[in-house]
Amino acid sequence: DHVVNVTKEIRAMAKGRKGVTRIVYGGSAGPGT
Protein backbone atom coordinates (compact mmCIF):
# COMPACT_ATOMS: atom_id res chain seq x y z
CA ASP A 1 0.00 0.00 0.00
CA HIS A 2 2.85 2.37 0.80
CA VAL A 3 4.57 1.71 -2.54
CA VAL A 4 1.37 2.13 -4.56
CA ASN A 5 0.36 5.34 -2.81
CA VAL A 6 3.81 6.90 -3.16
CA THR A 7 4.38 5.86 -6.77
CA LYS A 8 0.97 7.12 -7.85
CA GLU A 9 1.98 10.53 -6.51
CA ILE A 10 5.35 10.28 -8.25
CA ARG A 11 3.60 9.53 -11.54
CA ALA A 12 1.43 12.60 -11.03
CA MET A 13 4.58 14.70 -10.76
CA ALA A 14 5.48 13.71 -14.33
CA LYS A 15 1.96 14.12 -15.71
CA GLY A 16 1.82 16.15 -18.90
CA ARG A 17 5.37 15.41 -20.03
CA LYS A 18 5.76 14.59 -23.71
CA GLY A 19 8.41 11.97 -23.02
CA VAL A 20 7.82 8.49 -21.65
CA THR A 21 8.12 8.19 -17.88
CA ARG A 22 8.26 4.71 -16.42
CA ILE A 23 8.38 3.87 -12.73
CA VAL A 24 9.99 0.78 -11.25
CA TYR A 25 10.27 -0.36 -7.66
CA GLY A 26 13.48 -1.49 -6.00
CA GLY A 27 14.23 -2.42 -2.43
CA SER A 28 14.28 -6.13 -1.55
CA ALA A 29 12.03 -6.90 -4.51
CA GLY A 30 11.47 -10.48 -5.56
CA PRO A 31 8.75 -13.05 -6.33
CA GLY A 32 5.32 -11.84 -5.33
CA THR A 33 6.33 -8.18 -5.23
PDB file of all heavy atoms in Angstrom:
ATOM      1  N   ASP A   1       0.829  -1.205   0.000  1.00  0.00           N
ATOM      2  CA  ASP A   1       0.000   0.000   0.000  1.00  0.00           C
ATOM      3  C   ASP A   1       0.865   1.258   0.000  1.00  0.00           C
ATOM      4  O   ASP A   1       0.542   2.243  -0.671  1.00  0.00           O
ATOM      5  CB  ASP A   1      -0.930   0.016   1.212  1.00  0.00           C
ATOM      6  CG  ASP A   1      -2.075  -0.982   1.084  1.00  0.00           C
ATOM      7  OD1 ASP A   1      -2.342  -1.428  -0.056  1.00  0.00           O
ATOM      8  OD2 ASP A   1      -2.683  -1.327   2.114  1.00  0.00           O
ATOM      9  N   HIS A   2       1.940   1.223   0.756  1.00  0.00           N
ATOM     10  CA  HIS A   2       2.850   2.366   0.802  1.00  0.00           C
ATOM     11  C   HIS A   2       3.447   2.624  -0.578  1.00  0.00           C
ATOM     12  O   HIS A   2       3.445   3.759  -1.072  1.00  0.00           O
ATOM     13  CB  HIS A   2       3.964   2.101   1.820  1.00  0.00           C
ATOM     14  CG  HIS A   2       4.966   3.207   1.929  1.00  0.00           C
ATOM     15  ND1 HIS A   2       4.792   4.280   2.773  1.00  0.00           N
ATOM     16  CD2 HIS A   2       6.146   3.407   1.292  1.00  0.00           C
ATOM     17  CE1 HIS A   2       5.824   5.101   2.654  1.00  0.00           C
ATOM     18  NE2 HIS A   2       6.662   4.591   1.762  1.00  0.00           N
ATOM     19  N   VAL A   3       3.943   1.568  -1.215  1.00  0.00           N
ATOM     20  CA  VAL A   3       4.570   1.715  -2.536  1.00  0.00           C
ATOM     21  C   VAL A   3       3.575   2.258  -3.557  1.00  0.00           C
ATOM     22  O   VAL A   3       3.881   3.188  -4.310  1.00  0.00           O
ATOM     23  CB  VAL A   3       5.151   0.370  -3.012  1.00  0.00           C
ATOM     24  CG1 VAL A   3       5.658   0.494  -4.453  1.00  0.00           C
ATOM     25  CG2 VAL A   3       6.274  -0.082  -2.092  1.00  0.00           C
ATOM     26  N   VAL A   4       2.379   1.693  -3.580  1.00  0.00           N
ATOM     27  CA  VAL A   4       1.375   2.132  -4.556  1.00  0.00           C
ATOM     28  C   VAL A   4       0.996   3.593  -4.334  1.00  0.00           C
ATOM     29  O   VAL A   4       0.923   4.390  -5.283  1.00  0.00           O
ATOM     30  CB  VAL A   4       0.132   1.223  -4.508  1.00  0.00           C
ATOM     31  CG1 VAL A   4      -0.998   1.812  -5.355  1.00  0.00           C
ATOM     32  CG2 VAL A   4       0.479  -0.175  -4.987  1.00  0.00           C
ATOM     33  N   ASN A   5       0.760   3.963  -3.095  1.00  0.00           N
ATOM     34  CA  ASN A   5       0.364   5.342  -2.811  1.00  0.00           C
ATOM     35  C   ASN A   5       1.462   6.336  -3.155  1.00  0.00           C
ATOM     36  O   ASN A   5       1.193   7.406  -3.714  1.00  0.00           O
ATOM     37  CB  ASN A   5      -0.029   5.484  -1.334  1.00  0.00           C
ATOM     38  CG  ASN A   5      -1.373   4.851  -1.023  1.00  0.00           C
ATOM     39  OD1 ASN A   5      -2.282   4.870  -1.849  1.00  0.00           O
ATOM     40  ND2 ASN A   5      -1.509   4.288   0.165  1.00  0.00           N
ATOM     41  N   VAL A   6       2.704   5.988  -2.851  1.00  0.00           N
ATOM     42  CA  VAL A   6       3.810   6.904  -3.159  1.00  0.00           C
ATOM     43  C   VAL A   6       4.048   6.981  -4.658  1.00  0.00           C
ATOM     44  O   VAL A   6       4.206   8.073  -5.225  1.00  0.00           O
ATOM     45  CB  VAL A   6       5.088   6.478  -2.421  1.00  0.00           C
ATOM     46  CG1 VAL A   6       6.269   7.348  -2.858  1.00  0.00           C
ATOM     47  CG2 VAL A   6       4.907   6.583  -0.910  1.00  0.00           C
ATOM     48  N   THR A   7       4.068   5.840  -5.336  1.00  0.00           N
ATOM     49  CA  THR A   7       4.379   5.858  -6.769  1.00  0.00           C
ATOM     50  C   THR A   7       3.270   6.505  -7.591  1.00  0.00           C
ATOM     51  O   THR A   7       3.539   7.106  -8.641  1.00  0.00           O
ATOM     52  CB  THR A   7       4.682   4.442  -7.288  1.00  0.00           C
ATOM     53  OG1 THR A   7       3.634   3.542  -6.898  1.00  0.00           O
ATOM     54  CG2 THR A   7       6.005   3.940  -6.736  1.00  0.00           C
ATOM     55  N   LYS A   8       2.040   6.409  -7.146  1.00  0.00           N
ATOM     56  CA  LYS A   8       0.967   7.125  -7.848  1.00  0.00           C
ATOM     57  C   LYS A   8       1.205   8.632  -7.782  1.00  0.00           C
ATOM     58  O   LYS A   8       0.964   9.362  -8.756  1.00  0.00           O
ATOM     59  CB  LYS A   8      -0.392   6.769  -7.255  1.00  0.00           C
ATOM     60  CG  LYS A   8      -0.924   5.413  -7.714  1.00  0.00           C
ATOM     61  CD  LYS A   8      -2.330   5.154  -7.176  1.00  0.00           C
ATOM     62  CE  LYS A   8      -2.909   3.868  -7.754  1.00  0.00           C
ATOM     63  NZ  LYS A   8      -4.282   3.604  -7.245  1.00  0.00           N
ATOM     64  N   GLU A   9       1.678   9.109  -6.642  1.00  0.00           N
ATOM     65  CA  GLU A   9       1.983  10.534  -6.511  1.00  0.00           C
ATOM     66  C   GLU A   9       3.204  10.913  -7.348  1.00  0.00           C
ATOM     67  O   GLU A   9       3.255  12.002  -7.930  1.00  0.00           O
ATOM     68  CB  GLU A   9       2.208  10.889  -5.042  1.00  0.00           C
ATOM     69  CG  GLU A   9       0.961  10.802  -4.179  1.00  0.00           C
ATOM     70  CD  GLU A   9      -0.105  11.787  -4.622  1.00  0.00           C
ATOM     71  OE1 GLU A   9       0.246  12.926  -4.991  1.00  0.00           O
ATOM     72  OE2 GLU A   9      -1.292  11.426  -4.615  1.00  0.00           O
ATOM     73  N   ILE A  10       4.175  10.027  -7.410  1.00  0.00           N
ATOM     74  CA  ILE A  10       5.347  10.283  -8.246  1.00  0.00           C
ATOM     75  C   ILE A  10       4.941  10.373  -9.710  1.00  0.00           C
ATOM     76  O   ILE A  10       5.400  11.247 -10.458  1.00  0.00           O
ATOM     77  CB  ILE A  10       6.408   9.183  -8.031  1.00  0.00           C
ATOM     78  CG1 ILE A  10       6.998   9.283  -6.618  1.00  0.00           C
ATOM     79  CG2 ILE A  10       7.515   9.279  -9.088  1.00  0.00           C
ATOM     80  CD1 ILE A  10       7.883   8.114  -6.236  1.00  0.00           C
ATOM     81  N   ARG A  11       4.057   9.478 -10.141  1.00  0.00           N
ATOM     82  CA  ARG A  11       3.599   9.532 -11.539  1.00  0.00           C
ATOM     83  C   ARG A  11       2.873  10.845 -11.825  1.00  0.00           C
ATOM     84  O   ARG A  11       2.995  11.413 -12.910  1.00  0.00           O
ATOM     85  CB  ARG A  11       2.685   8.335 -11.830  1.00  0.00           C
ATOM     86  CG  ARG A  11       2.506   8.078 -13.317  1.00  0.00           C
ATOM     87  CD  ARG A  11       1.658   6.853 -13.595  1.00  0.00           C
ATOM     88  NE  ARG A  11       2.205   5.627 -13.070  1.00  0.00           N
ATOM     89  CZ  ARG A  11       3.140   4.913 -13.697  1.00  0.00           C
ATOM     90  NH1 ARG A  11       3.638   5.328 -14.846  1.00  0.00           N
ATOM     91  NH2 ARG A  11       3.582   3.784 -13.156  1.00  0.00           N
ATOM     92  N   ALA A  12       2.127  11.327 -10.842  1.00  0.00           N
ATOM     93  CA  ALA A  12       1.426  12.596 -11.028  1.00  0.00           C
ATOM     94  C   ALA A  12       2.405  13.752 -11.215  1.00  0.00           C
ATOM     95  O   ALA A  12       2.105  14.724 -11.918  1.00  0.00           O
ATOM     96  CB  ALA A  12       0.512  12.862  -9.836  1.00  0.00           C
ATOM     97  N   MET A  13       3.579  13.650 -10.608  1.00  0.00           N
ATOM     98  CA  MET A  13       4.584  14.701 -10.765  1.00  0.00           C
ATOM     99  C   MET A  13       5.059  14.820 -12.214  1.00  0.00           C
ATOM    100  O   MET A  13       5.488  15.893 -12.654  1.00  0.00           O
ATOM    101  CB  MET A  13       5.788  14.420  -9.862  1.00  0.00           C
ATOM    102  CG  MET A  13       5.489  14.416  -8.384  1.00  0.00           C
ATOM    103  SD  MET A  13       6.941  13.884  -7.412  1.00  0.00           S
ATOM    104  CE  MET A  13       6.163  13.444  -5.848  1.00  0.00           C
ATOM    105  N   ALA A  14       5.017  13.720 -12.941  1.00  0.00           N
ATOM    106  CA  ALA A  14       5.479  13.710 -14.329  1.00  0.00           C
ATOM    107  C   ALA A  14       4.335  13.845 -15.329  1.00  0.00           C
ATOM    108  O   ALA A  14       4.556  13.787 -16.546  1.00  0.00           O
ATOM    109  CB  ALA A  14       6.250  12.420 -14.605  1.00  0.00           C
ATOM    110  N   LYS A  15       3.124  14.030 -14.823  1.00  0.00           N
ATOM    111  CA  LYS A  15       1.963  14.125 -15.708  1.00  0.00           C
ATOM    112  C   LYS A  15       2.098  15.312 -16.656  1.00  0.00           C
ATOM    113  O   LYS A  15       2.509  16.396 -16.259  1.00  0.00           O
ATOM    114  CB  LYS A  15       0.685  14.270 -14.884  1.00  0.00           C
ATOM    115  CG  LYS A  15      -0.589  14.224 -15.703  1.00  0.00           C
ATOM    116  CD  LYS A  15      -1.820  14.290 -14.816  1.00  0.00           C
ATOM    117  CE  LYS A  15      -3.095  14.224 -15.642  1.00  0.00           C
ATOM    118  NZ  LYS A  15      -4.311  14.274 -14.781  1.00  0.00           N
ATOM    119  N   GLY A  16       1.764  15.088 -17.915  1.00  0.00           N
ATOM    120  CA  GLY A  16       1.825  16.153 -18.896  1.00  0.00           C
ATOM    121  C   GLY A  16       3.125  16.207 -19.674  1.00  0.00           C
ATOM    122  O   GLY A  16       3.220  16.958 -20.659  1.00  0.00           O
ATOM    123  N   ARG A  17       4.128  15.449 -19.268  1.00  0.00           N
ATOM    124  CA  ARG A  17       5.374  15.407 -20.030  1.00  0.00           C
ATOM    125  C   ARG A  17       5.126  14.758 -21.391  1.00  0.00           C
ATOM    126  O   ARG A  17       4.306  13.857 -21.527  1.00  0.00           O
ATOM    127  CB  ARG A  17       6.454  14.598 -19.312  1.00  0.00           C
ATOM    128  CG  ARG A  17       6.946  15.180 -18.011  1.00  0.00           C
ATOM    129  CD  ARG A  17       8.145  14.377 -17.500  1.00  0.00           C
ATOM    130  NE  ARG A  17       9.325  14.595 -18.323  1.00  0.00           N
ATOM    131  CZ  ARG A  17       9.915  13.680 -19.075  1.00  0.00           C
ATOM    132  NH1 ARG A  17       9.421  12.440 -19.130  1.00  0.00           N
ATOM    133  NH2 ARG A  17      10.981  13.970 -19.790  1.00  0.00           N
ATOM    134  N   LYS A  18       5.868  15.190 -22.387  1.00  0.00           N
ATOM    135  CA  LYS A  18       5.763  14.589 -23.708  1.00  0.00           C
ATOM    136  C   LYS A  18       6.556  13.286 -23.794  1.00  0.00           C
ATOM    137  O   LYS A  18       6.229  12.408 -24.591  1.00  0.00           O
ATOM    138  CB  LYS A  18       6.264  15.580 -24.763  1.00  0.00           C
ATOM    139  CG  LYS A  18       5.408  16.831 -24.872  1.00  0.00           C
ATOM    140  CD  LYS A  18       5.963  17.776 -25.918  1.00  0.00           C
ATOM    141  CE  LYS A  18       5.122  19.046 -26.018  1.00  0.00           C
ATOM    142  NZ  LYS A  18       5.689  20.012 -26.999  1.00  0.00           N
ATOM    143  N   GLY A  19       7.590  13.169 -23.003  1.00  0.00           N
ATOM    144  CA  GLY A  19       8.412  11.970 -23.021  1.00  0.00           C
ATOM    145  C   GLY A  19       7.833  10.872 -22.154  1.00  0.00           C
ATOM    146  O   GLY A  19       7.026  11.108 -21.253  1.00  0.00           O
ATOM    147  N   VAL A  20       8.263   9.649 -22.418  1.00  0.00           N
ATOM    148  CA  VAL A  20       7.818   8.493 -21.652  1.00  0.00           C
ATOM    149  C   VAL A  20       8.458   8.518 -20.267  1.00  0.00           C
ATOM    150  O   VAL A  20       9.658   8.723 -20.129  1.00  0.00           O
ATOM    151  CB  VAL A  20       8.189   7.188 -22.373  1.00  0.00           C
ATOM    152  CG1 VAL A  20       7.912   5.981 -21.484  1.00  0.00           C
ATOM    153  CG2 VAL A  20       7.431   7.071 -23.680  1.00  0.00           C
ATOM    154  N   THR A  21       7.640   8.311 -19.262  1.00  0.00           N
ATOM    155  CA  THR A  21       8.120   8.192 -17.883  1.00  0.00           C
ATOM    156  C   THR A  21       7.656   6.849 -17.339  1.00  0.00           C
ATOM    157  O   THR A  21       6.459   6.598 -17.237  1.00  0.00           O
ATOM    158  CB  THR A  21       7.568   9.317 -16.988  1.00  0.00           C
ATOM    159  OG1 THR A  21       7.916  10.588 -17.544  1.00  0.00           O
ATOM    160  CG2 THR A  21       8.140   9.214 -15.584  1.00  0.00           C
ATOM    161  N   ARG A  22       8.608   5.992 -17.027  1.00  0.00           N
ATOM    162  CA  ARG A  22       8.262   4.713 -16.420  1.00  0.00           C
ATOM    163  C   ARG A  22       8.775   4.683 -14.981  1.00  0.00           C
ATOM    164  O   ARG A  22       9.816   5.274 -14.672  1.00  0.00           O
ATOM    165  CB  ARG A  22       8.834   3.539 -17.226  1.00  0.00           C
ATOM    166  CG  ARG A  22       8.068   3.310 -18.515  1.00  0.00           C
ATOM    167  CD  ARG A  22       8.464   2.015 -19.216  1.00  0.00           C
ATOM    168  NE  ARG A  22       9.713   2.158 -19.933  1.00  0.00           N
ATOM    169  CZ  ARG A  22      10.223   1.207 -20.723  1.00  0.00           C
ATOM    170  NH1 ARG A  22       9.585   0.054 -20.865  1.00  0.00           N
ATOM    171  NH2 ARG A  22      11.353   1.400 -21.353  1.00  0.00           N
ATOM    172  N   ILE A  23       8.038   3.972 -14.141  1.00  0.00           N
ATOM    173  CA  ILE A  23       8.384   3.870 -12.725  1.00  0.00           C
ATOM    174  C   ILE A  23       8.584   2.412 -12.368  1.00  0.00           C
ATOM    175  O   ILE A  23       7.749   1.564 -12.680  1.00  0.00           O
ATOM    176  CB  ILE A  23       7.273   4.481 -11.850  1.00  0.00           C
ATOM    177  CG1 ILE A  23       7.099   5.975 -12.173  1.00  0.00           C
ATOM    178  CG2 ILE A  23       7.598   4.300 -10.366  1.00  0.00           C
ATOM    179  CD1 ILE A  23       5.932   6.617 -11.461  1.00  0.00           C
ATOM    180  N   VAL A  24       9.717   2.134 -11.732  1.00  0.00           N
ATOM    181  CA  VAL A  24       9.991   0.780 -11.248  1.00  0.00           C
ATOM    182  C   VAL A  24      10.225   0.847  -9.746  1.00  0.00           C
ATOM    183  O   VAL A  24      10.580   1.892  -9.201  1.00  0.00           O
ATOM    184  CB  VAL A  24      11.212   0.147 -11.948  1.00  0.00           C
ATOM    185  CG1 VAL A  24      10.922  -0.070 -13.431  1.00  0.00           C
ATOM    186  CG2 VAL A  24      12.464   1.002 -11.771  1.00  0.00           C
ATOM    187  N   TYR A  25      10.016  -0.284  -9.097  1.00  0.00           N
ATOM    188  CA  TYR A  25      10.268  -0.363  -7.664  1.00  0.00           C
ATOM    189  C   TYR A  25      11.505  -1.203  -7.404  1.00  0.00           C
ATOM    190  O   TYR A  25      11.707  -2.259  -8.005  1.00  0.00           O
ATOM    191  CB  TYR A  25       9.087  -0.991  -6.914  1.00  0.00           C
ATOM    192  CG  TYR A  25       9.434  -1.292  -5.462  1.00  0.00           C
ATOM    193  CD1 TYR A  25       9.471  -0.261  -4.520  1.00  0.00           C
ATOM    194  CD2 TYR A  25       9.787  -2.576  -5.061  1.00  0.00           C
ATOM    195  CE1 TYR A  25       9.833  -0.519  -3.210  1.00  0.00           C
ATOM    196  CE2 TYR A  25      10.141  -2.845  -3.748  1.00  0.00           C
ATOM    197  CZ  TYR A  25      10.172  -1.802  -2.823  1.00  0.00           C
ATOM    198  OH  TYR A  25      10.548  -2.050  -1.528  1.00  0.00           O
ATOM    199  N   GLY A  26      12.337  -0.730  -6.470  1.00  0.00           N
ATOM    200  CA  GLY A  26      13.483  -1.490  -6.002  1.00  0.00           C
ATOM    201  C   GLY A  26      13.551  -1.404  -4.488  1.00  0.00           C
ATOM    202  O   GLY A  26      13.100  -0.430  -3.890  1.00  0.00           O
ATOM    203  N   GLY A  27      14.145  -2.387  -3.884  1.00  0.00           N
ATOM    204  CA  GLY A  27      14.231  -2.422  -2.426  1.00  0.00           C
ATOM    205  C   GLY A  27      13.742  -3.753  -1.921  1.00  0.00           C
ATOM    206  O   GLY A  27      12.580  -3.896  -1.544  1.00  0.00           O
ATOM    207  N   SER A  28      14.624  -4.773  -1.980  1.00  0.00           N
ATOM    208  CA  SER A  28      14.284  -6.132  -1.548  1.00  0.00           C
ATOM    209  C   SER A  28      13.138  -6.722  -2.358  1.00  0.00           C
ATOM    210  O   SER A  28      12.315  -7.481  -1.837  1.00  0.00           O
ATOM    211  CB  SER A  28      13.945  -6.160  -0.052  1.00  0.00           C
ATOM    212  OG  SER A  28      15.010  -5.635   0.710  1.00  0.00           O
ATOM    213  N   ALA A  29      13.076  -6.367  -3.642  1.00  0.00           N
ATOM    214  CA  ALA A  29      12.025  -6.896  -4.513  1.00  0.00           C
ATOM    215  C   ALA A  29      12.349  -8.323  -4.933  1.00  0.00           C
ATOM    216  O   ALA A  29      13.513  -8.703  -5.065  1.00  0.00           O
ATOM    217  CB  ALA A  29      11.882  -6.010  -5.751  1.00  0.00           C
ATOM    218  N   GLY A  30      11.297  -9.102  -5.151  1.00  0.00           N
ATOM    219  CA  GLY A  30      11.474 -10.483  -5.563  1.00  0.00           C
ATOM    220  C   GLY A  30      10.151 -11.084  -5.989  1.00  0.00           C
ATOM    221  O   GLY A  30       9.213 -10.360  -6.331  1.00  0.00           O
ATOM    222  N   PRO A  31      10.008 -12.405  -5.958  1.00  0.00           N
ATOM    223  CA  PRO A  31       8.750 -13.050  -6.334  1.00  0.00           C
ATOM    224  C   PRO A  31       7.609 -12.560  -5.451  1.00  0.00           C
ATOM    225  O   PRO A  31       7.761 -12.403  -4.239  1.00  0.00           O
ATOM    226  CB  PRO A  31       9.034 -14.536  -6.099  1.00  0.00           C
ATOM    227  CG  PRO A  31      10.505 -14.661  -6.182  1.00  0.00           C
ATOM    228  CD  PRO A  31      11.055 -13.393  -5.622  1.00  0.00           C
ATOM    229  N   GLY A  32       6.481 -12.298  -6.069  1.00  0.00           N
ATOM    230  CA  GLY A  32       5.319 -11.836  -5.330  1.00  0.00           C
ATOM    231  C   GLY A  32       5.237 -10.339  -5.159  1.00  0.00           C
ATOM    232  O   GLY A  32       4.185  -9.813  -4.791  1.00  0.00           O
ATOM    233  N   THR A  33       6.335  -9.631  -5.443  1.00  0.00           N
ATOM    234  CA  THR A  33       6.333  -8.179  -5.229  1.00  0.00           C
ATOM    235  C   THR A  33       5.475  -7.457  -6.260  1.00  0.00           C
ATOM    236  O   THR A  33       4.617  -6.642  -5.898  1.00  0.00           O
ATOM    237  CB  THR A  33       7.770  -7.621  -5.281  1.00  0.00           C
ATOM    238  OG1 THR A  33       8.574  -8.258  -4.285  1.00  0.00           O
ATOM    239  CG2 THR A  33       7.769  -6.119  -5.027  1.00  0.00           C
TER     240      THR A  33
END
